[in-house]
Amino acid sequence: MALKHSHPLEVIDLHAMDHSQGTAVSSSLLKTPHLQLMRVVLAAGQSLPEHHVPGEITVQCLSGEADVATPSRTCRLVPGCLVMLPAAEPHCVQAHRDTVLLVTMLHH
């Protein structure tokens, strides 16, 4: 089954819940040939292992608190903060509290 992605000019609820579980879930919200938006939900203490993506990305904290770490720097994100990562930059994410992140990826 294909993921349901939003369409241009469709309003996206960044705080949408999985009504069957009563919790927010990670999901791909929008995908075009040049852009992808993802909502990443991490429980306190949960992490994403080091990885990289081909294009530039931004990681914005919607709620909670998390570190985005690269080989050269660690950035603490709290609600309202974002960080931009260059293309192919290795990074990992560590949630300190239950966290929701909005990740924007540019595709070439």
N, C-alpha and C. Protein backbone atom coordinates (compact mmCIF):
# COMPACT_ATOMS: atom_id res chain seq x y z
N MET A 1 0.83 -1.17 0.00
CA MET A 1 0.00 0.00 0.00
C MET A 1 0.88 1.24 0.00
N ALA A 2 0.63 2.17 -0.91
CA ALA A 2 1.42 3.39 -1.01
C ALA A 2 1.06 4.35 0.12
N LEU A 3 2.06 5.13 0.55
CA LEU A 3 1.81 6.15 1.57
C LEU A 3 0.95 7.25 0.98
N LYS A 4 0.07 7.82 1.80
CA LYS A 4 -0.70 8.98 1.37
C LYS A 4 0.13 10.22 1.64
N HIS A 5 0.46 10.92 0.58
CA HIS A 5 1.18 12.17 0.69
C HIS A 5 0.22 13.31 0.40
N SER A 6 0.47 14.46 0.98
CA SER A 6 -0.33 15.63 0.72
C SER A 6 -0.04 16.15 -0.68
N HIS A 7 -0.96 16.97 -1.17
CA HIS A 7 -0.84 17.57 -2.49
C HIS A 7 -0.61 19.07 -2.35
N PRO A 8 -0.12 19.74 -3.41
CA PRO A 8 0.07 21.18 -3.34
C PRO A 8 -1.21 21.88 -2.86
N LEU A 9 -1.03 22.86 -1.99
CA LEU A 9 -2.09 23.68 -1.40
C LEU A 9 -2.99 22.92 -0.43
N GLU A 10 -2.63 21.70 -0.09
CA GLU A 10 -3.37 20.95 0.93
C GLU A 10 -2.75 21.26 2.29
N VAL A 11 -3.58 21.61 3.26
CA VAL A 11 -3.09 21.93 4.60
C VAL A 11 -2.64 20.65 5.29
N ILE A 12 -1.46 20.70 5.91
CA ILE A 12 -0.89 19.55 6.62
C ILE A 12 -0.93 19.83 8.11
N ASP A 13 -1.54 18.94 8.88
CA ASP A 13 -1.58 19.06 10.34
C ASP A 13 -0.32 18.40 10.90
N LEU A 14 0.64 19.22 11.36
CA LEU A 14 1.91 18.70 11.85
C LEU A 14 1.77 17.99 13.19
N HIS A 15 0.65 18.17 13.87
CA HIS A 15 0.45 17.54 15.17
C HIS A 15 -0.58 16.41 15.09
N ALA A 16 -0.80 15.87 13.89
CA ALA A 16 -1.79 14.81 13.71
C ALA A 16 -1.45 13.60 14.57
N MET A 17 -2.47 12.93 15.01
CA MET A 17 -2.32 11.76 15.88
C MET A 17 -2.73 10.50 15.14
N ASP A 18 -2.19 9.37 15.58
CA ASP A 18 -2.69 8.07 15.16
C ASP A 18 -3.86 7.77 16.08
N HIS A 19 -5.07 7.96 15.58
CA HIS A 19 -6.25 7.84 16.43
C HIS A 19 -6.44 6.44 17.00
N SER A 20 -5.88 5.43 16.35
CA SER A 20 -6.02 4.08 16.89
C SER A 20 -5.17 3.87 18.14
N GLN A 21 -4.06 4.64 18.25
CA GLN A 21 -3.17 4.49 19.40
C GLN A 21 -3.15 5.73 20.29
N GLY A 22 -3.72 6.83 19.80
CA GLY A 22 -3.72 8.06 20.58
C GLY A 22 -2.36 8.73 20.66
N THR A 23 -1.49 8.44 19.72
CA THR A 23 -0.14 9.00 19.73
C THR A 23 0.21 9.54 18.35
N ALA A 24 1.19 10.43 18.31
CA ALA A 24 1.74 10.89 17.04
C ALA A 24 2.66 9.80 16.50
N VAL A 25 2.73 9.68 15.20
CA VAL A 25 3.58 8.67 14.58
C VAL A 25 4.46 9.32 13.52
N SER A 26 5.62 8.74 13.28
CA SER A 26 6.49 9.22 12.21
C SER A 26 5.82 8.94 10.87
N SER A 27 5.93 9.91 9.95
CA SER A 27 5.32 9.71 8.65
C SER A 27 5.92 10.67 7.63
N SER A 28 5.85 10.26 6.38
CA SER A 28 6.22 11.13 5.27
C SER A 28 4.96 11.93 4.93
N LEU A 29 5.06 13.25 4.99
CA LEU A 29 3.89 14.10 4.81
C LEU A 29 3.69 14.55 3.38
N LEU A 30 4.80 14.79 2.69
CA LEU A 30 4.74 15.35 1.35
C LEU A 30 5.97 14.89 0.59
N LYS A 31 5.78 14.51 -0.67
CA LYS A 31 6.93 14.12 -1.48
C LYS A 31 6.69 14.53 -2.92
N THR A 32 7.64 15.32 -3.44
CA THR A 32 7.64 15.72 -4.84
C THR A 32 9.00 15.32 -5.40
N PRO A 33 9.23 15.52 -6.69
CA PRO A 33 10.56 15.19 -7.23
C PRO A 33 11.70 15.99 -6.59
N HIS A 34 11.38 17.15 -5.96
CA HIS A 34 12.44 18.01 -5.44
C HIS A 34 12.40 18.21 -3.93
N LEU A 35 11.35 17.77 -3.25
CA LEU A 35 11.15 18.10 -1.85
C LEU A 35 10.43 16.97 -1.12
N GLN A 36 10.83 16.72 0.12
CA GLN A 36 10.11 15.77 0.97
C GLN A 36 10.05 16.33 2.38
N LEU A 37 8.86 16.23 2.99
CA LEU A 37 8.66 16.62 4.39
C LEU A 37 8.32 15.37 5.18
N MET A 38 8.98 15.21 6.31
CA MET A 38 8.72 14.06 7.17
C MET A 38 8.51 14.54 8.60
N ARG A 39 7.54 13.94 9.28
CA ARG A 39 7.36 14.17 10.71
C ARG A 39 8.01 12.96 11.39
N VAL A 40 9.02 13.23 12.22
CA VAL A 40 9.75 12.17 12.92
C VAL A 40 9.39 12.26 14.40
N VAL A 41 8.85 11.17 14.94
CA VAL A 41 8.43 11.11 16.33
C VAL A 41 9.37 10.17 17.08
N LEU A 42 9.98 10.68 18.15
CA LEU A 42 10.90 9.88 18.96
C LEU A 42 10.48 9.96 20.42
N ALA A 43 10.47 8.83 21.08
CA ALA A 43 10.21 8.79 22.53
C ALA A 43 11.47 9.22 23.27
N ALA A 44 11.31 9.69 24.49
CA ALA A 44 12.45 10.07 25.32
C ALA A 44 13.46 8.93 25.35
N GLY A 45 14.73 9.23 25.08
CA GLY A 45 15.79 8.23 25.09
C GLY A 45 15.97 7.52 23.76
N GLN A 46 15.03 7.64 22.85
CA GLN A 46 15.13 6.98 21.55
C GLN A 46 16.10 7.75 20.65
N SER A 47 16.75 7.03 19.73
CA SER A 47 17.69 7.69 18.83
C SER A 47 17.55 7.15 17.42
N LEU A 48 18.07 7.92 16.49
CA LEU A 48 18.24 7.48 15.11
C LEU A 48 19.74 7.32 14.90
N PRO A 49 20.19 6.16 14.43
CA PRO A 49 21.63 5.95 14.26
C PRO A 49 22.19 6.86 13.16
N GLU A 50 23.51 6.99 13.14
CA GLU A 50 24.15 7.83 12.14
C GLU A 50 23.73 7.40 10.74
N HIS A 51 23.40 8.40 9.93
CA HIS A 51 23.01 8.18 8.55
C HIS A 51 23.25 9.49 7.79
N HIS A 52 23.00 9.49 6.51
CA HIS A 52 23.08 10.72 5.71
C HIS A 52 22.08 10.61 4.57
N VAL A 53 21.75 11.76 4.01
CA VAL A 53 20.86 11.81 2.85
C VAL A 53 21.57 12.60 1.76
N PRO A 54 21.23 12.36 0.49
CA PRO A 54 21.98 12.99 -0.61
C PRO A 54 21.84 14.51 -0.68
N GLY A 55 20.68 15.06 -0.32
CA GLY A 55 20.46 16.50 -0.45
C GLY A 55 20.53 17.22 0.88
N GLU A 56 20.43 18.56 0.82
CA GLU A 56 20.39 19.37 2.03
C GLU A 56 19.10 19.09 2.80
N ILE A 57 19.17 19.24 4.13
CA ILE A 57 17.98 19.04 4.96
C ILE A 57 17.92 20.10 6.04
N THR A 58 16.70 20.32 6.54
CA THR A 58 16.53 21.06 7.78
C THR A 58 15.82 20.13 8.75
N VAL A 59 16.14 20.29 10.03
CA VAL A 59 15.47 19.55 11.10
C VAL A 59 14.94 20.60 12.06
N GLN A 60 13.62 20.64 12.22
CA GLN A 60 12.97 21.62 13.08
C GLN A 60 12.26 20.90 14.21
N CYS A 61 12.46 21.38 15.42
CA CYS A 61 11.81 20.78 16.59
C CYS A 61 10.43 21.41 16.78
N LEU A 62 9.39 20.56 16.74
CA LEU A 62 8.03 21.01 16.98
C LEU A 62 7.66 20.88 18.45
N SER A 63 8.17 19.81 19.08
CA SER A 63 7.95 19.62 20.52
C SER A 63 9.04 18.72 21.06
N GLY A 64 9.28 18.81 22.37
CA GLY A 64 10.29 17.98 23.01
C GLY A 64 11.66 18.61 22.99
N GLU A 65 12.68 17.75 22.99
CA GLU A 65 14.08 18.19 23.02
C GLU A 65 14.95 17.08 22.47
N ALA A 66 15.81 17.42 21.51
CA ALA A 66 16.67 16.41 20.90
C ALA A 66 17.98 17.03 20.46
N ASP A 67 19.02 16.18 20.39
CA ASP A 67 20.31 16.58 19.84
C ASP A 67 20.43 16.02 18.43
N VAL A 68 20.93 16.87 17.52
CA VAL A 68 21.34 16.44 16.19
C VAL A 68 22.85 16.55 16.18
N ALA A 69 23.52 15.42 16.01
CA ALA A 69 24.98 15.39 16.10
C ALA A 69 25.60 15.04 14.76
N THR A 70 26.63 15.80 14.38
CA THR A 70 27.44 15.52 13.21
C THR A 70 28.86 15.23 13.70
N PRO A 71 29.77 14.80 12.83
CA PRO A 71 31.13 14.57 13.29
C PRO A 71 31.80 15.81 13.90
N SER A 72 31.34 17.01 13.52
CA SER A 72 32.00 18.22 14.00
C SER A 72 31.22 19.01 15.05
N ARG A 73 29.93 18.68 15.26
CA ARG A 73 29.14 19.51 16.17
C ARG A 73 27.87 18.80 16.62
N THR A 74 27.41 19.14 17.82
CA THR A 74 26.12 18.68 18.32
C THR A 74 25.25 19.90 18.56
N CYS A 75 24.03 19.86 18.03
CA CYS A 75 23.08 20.96 18.15
C CYS A 75 21.89 20.50 18.98
N ARG A 76 21.57 21.22 20.04
CA ARG A 76 20.40 20.93 20.88
C ARG A 76 19.20 21.65 20.27
N LEU A 77 18.14 20.90 19.95
CA LEU A 77 16.93 21.49 19.40
C LEU A 77 15.81 21.44 20.43
N VAL A 78 15.14 22.56 20.60
CA VAL A 78 13.95 22.69 21.44
C VAL A 78 12.87 23.30 20.55
N PRO A 79 11.61 23.30 21.00
CA PRO A 79 10.54 23.81 20.13
C PRO A 79 10.85 25.20 19.57
N GLY A 80 10.65 25.33 18.27
CA GLY A 80 10.89 26.59 17.58
C GLY A 80 12.28 26.73 17.00
N CYS A 81 13.18 25.76 17.26
CA CYS A 81 14.55 25.81 16.74
C CYS A 81 14.70 24.85 15.57
N LEU A 82 15.59 25.22 14.65
CA LEU A 82 15.90 24.31 13.54
C LEU A 82 17.36 24.41 13.21
N VAL A 83 17.85 23.38 12.52
CA VAL A 83 19.23 23.34 12.05
C VAL A 83 19.22 22.85 10.60
N MET A 84 20.14 23.37 9.80
CA MET A 84 20.29 22.95 8.41
C MET A 84 21.55 22.10 8.29
N LEU A 85 21.46 21.01 7.58
CA LEU A 85 22.62 20.14 7.35
C LEU A 85 22.93 20.11 5.86
N PRO A 86 24.21 20.22 5.50
CA PRO A 86 24.59 20.13 4.09
C PRO A 86 24.32 18.74 3.53
N ALA A 87 24.27 18.66 2.23
CA ALA A 87 24.07 17.37 1.56
C ALA A 87 25.13 16.37 2.01
N ALA A 88 24.71 15.15 2.24
CA ALA A 88 25.57 14.01 2.59
C ALA A 88 26.26 14.14 3.95
N GLU A 89 25.83 15.08 4.80
CA GLU A 89 26.43 15.24 6.12
C GLU A 89 26.00 14.10 7.03
N PRO A 90 26.93 13.28 7.53
CA PRO A 90 26.55 12.23 8.46
C PRO A 90 25.99 12.86 9.75
N HIS A 91 24.91 12.29 10.25
CA HIS A 91 24.30 12.82 11.48
C HIS A 91 23.49 11.73 12.18
N CYS A 92 23.29 11.93 13.47
CA CYS A 92 22.42 11.07 14.26
C CYS A 92 21.54 11.97 15.11
N VAL A 93 20.47 11.41 15.66
CA VAL A 93 19.53 12.18 16.46
C VAL A 93 19.27 11.43 17.76
N GLN A 94 19.27 12.16 18.87
CA GLN A 94 19.00 11.58 20.20
C GLN A 94 17.93 12.42 20.87
N ALA A 95 16.80 11.81 21.21
CA ALA A 95 15.72 12.52 21.89
C ALA A 95 15.95 12.49 23.40
N HIS A 96 15.84 13.64 24.05
CA HIS A 96 15.97 13.71 25.50
C HIS A 96 14.61 13.66 26.18
N ARG A 97 13.59 14.09 25.47
CA ARG A 97 12.19 14.01 25.92
C ARG A 97 11.39 13.51 24.73
N ASP A 98 10.13 13.15 24.93
CA ASP A 98 9.28 12.81 23.80
C ASP A 98 9.35 13.97 22.82
N THR A 99 9.67 13.69 21.56
CA THR A 99 10.01 14.72 20.60
C THR A 99 9.32 14.50 19.26
N VAL A 100 8.90 15.61 18.65
CA VAL A 100 8.39 15.60 17.27
C VAL A 100 9.24 16.57 16.48
N LEU A 101 9.82 16.07 15.37
CA LEU A 101 10.67 16.86 14.49
C LEU A 101 10.04 16.95 13.11
N LEU A 102 10.21 18.08 12.45
CA LEU A 102 9.83 18.23 11.05
C LEU A 102 11.12 18.26 10.25
N VAL A 103 11.28 17.28 9.38
CA VAL A 103 12.49 17.17 8.54
C VAL A 103 12.11 17.52 7.11
N THR A 104 12.83 18.48 6.54
CA THR A 104 12.63 18.89 5.16
C THR A 104 13.86 18.49 4.37
N MET A 105 13.66 17.69 3.31
CA MET A 105 14.76 17.20 2.50
C MET A 105 14.61 17.71 1.07
N LEU A 106 15.70 18.22 0.53
CA LEU A 106 15.73 18.64 -0.86
C LEU A 106 16.31 17.50 -1.70
N HIS A 107 15.65 17.20 -2.81
CA HIS A 107 16.11 16.16 -3.73
C HIS A 107 16.63 16.84 -5.00
N HIS A 108 17.71 16.32 -5.53
CA HIS A 108 18.26 16.88 -6.77
C HIS A 108 17.65 16.20 -7.96
